[in-house]
Protein backbone atom coordinates (compact mmCIF):
# COMPACT_ATOMS: atom_id res chain seq x y z
CA MET A 1 -7.22 4.59 -3.04
CA ALA A 2 -7.23 0.78 -3.48
CA LEU A 3 -10.54 0.78 -1.91
CA THR A 4 -11.83 3.59 -4.23
CA ARG A 5 -10.27 1.77 -7.22
CA GLN A 6 -12.08 -1.51 -6.46
CA MET A 7 -15.61 0.28 -6.22
CA LEU A 8 -15.03 2.16 -9.52
CA TRP A 9 -14.06 -0.86 -11.37
CA ARG A 10 -16.54 -3.45 -9.68
CA ASN A 11 -19.37 -1.34 -8.80
CA ALA A 12 -19.97 -0.25 -12.31
CA ALA A 13 -20.63 -4.03 -13.34
CA GLN A 14 -23.37 -4.55 -10.55
CA PRO A 15 -26.56 -5.76 -11.81
CA ASP A 16 -28.50 -3.42 -9.77
CA PRO A 17 -27.53 0.03 -8.61
CA VAL A 18 -28.48 -0.81 -4.98
CA VAL A 19 -25.68 -3.47 -4.67
CA ALA A 20 -23.27 -0.62 -5.42
CA HIS A 21 -24.80 1.79 -3.02
CA CYS A 22 -24.41 -0.85 -0.32
CA VAL A 23 -20.73 -1.57 -0.92
CA GLU A 24 -20.10 2.09 -0.98
CA SER A 25 -21.87 2.52 2.28
CA LEU A 26 -19.96 -0.28 4.01
CA ALA A 27 -16.68 1.09 2.65
CA VAL A 28 -17.45 4.76 4.06
CA LEU A 29 -18.29 2.98 7.33
CA HIS A 30 -15.35 0.94 7.34
CA THR A 31 -12.92 4.09 6.30
CA ALA A 32 -14.85 6.08 9.10
CA ARG A 33 -13.82 3.52 11.88
CA HIS A 34 -10.25 3.12 10.96
CA ASP A 35 -7.92 5.58 9.07
CA GLY A 36 -10.59 8.06 8.85
CA GLN A 37 -10.49 8.68 12.57
CA GLU A 38 -6.76 9.17 12.29
CA GLY A 39 -6.97 11.43 9.22
CA VAL A 40 -9.42 13.69 11.33
CA GLN A 41 -7.43 13.88 14.29
CA ALA A 42 -4.26 14.58 12.14
CA PHE A 43 -6.03 17.32 10.56
CA ARG A 44 -6.99 18.92 14.06
CA ASP A 45 -3.50 18.59 15.42
CA LYS A 46 -1.97 20.10 12.14
CA ARG A 47 0.47 16.91 11.65
CA GLN A 48 0.69 14.29 8.95
CA PRO A 49 -1.50 11.22 9.27
CA VAL A 50 -0.08 8.14 10.31
CA PHE A 51 -2.34 5.51 8.40
CA ALA A 52 -2.44 1.82 9.65
CA ALA A 53 -4.01 0.35 6.47
CA GLY A 54 -1.85 -0.63 3.52
CA GLY A 55 -2.87 -0.76 -0.18
CA ASN A 56 -3.67 -4.48 0.08
CA ASP A 57 -5.89 -4.21 3.30
CA LEU A 58 -9.09 -4.34 1.56
CA PRO A 59 -11.95 -4.86 4.02
CA ARG A 60 -13.54 -8.49 4.14
CA PHE A 61 -16.99 -7.53 3.33
CA TYR A 62 -16.40 -7.13 -0.41
CA PRO A 63 -17.24 -10.35 -2.38
CA TRP A 64 -14.47 -10.14 -4.85
CA TRP A 65 -11.68 -9.64 -2.08
CA SER A 66 -9.65 -12.80 -0.93
CA PRO A 67 -6.88 -12.81 1.27
CA THR A 68 -3.32 -13.74 -0.13
CA PRO A 69 -1.60 -16.60 1.50
């Protein structure tokens, strides 16, 4: 949800739609590699997923993301 919220707020302010598209494509790739696989496997196993990422675990490819000390 945090990733989606950031894309909604930040991508609307991008000067060119291509920038927003690139960020969205990276987000899909990042999610598919990490918690996305767990979600699919949990669905297949008919169990609740155990996601590793938390609400503050935004990927580092976002230009506005900065780690908290």
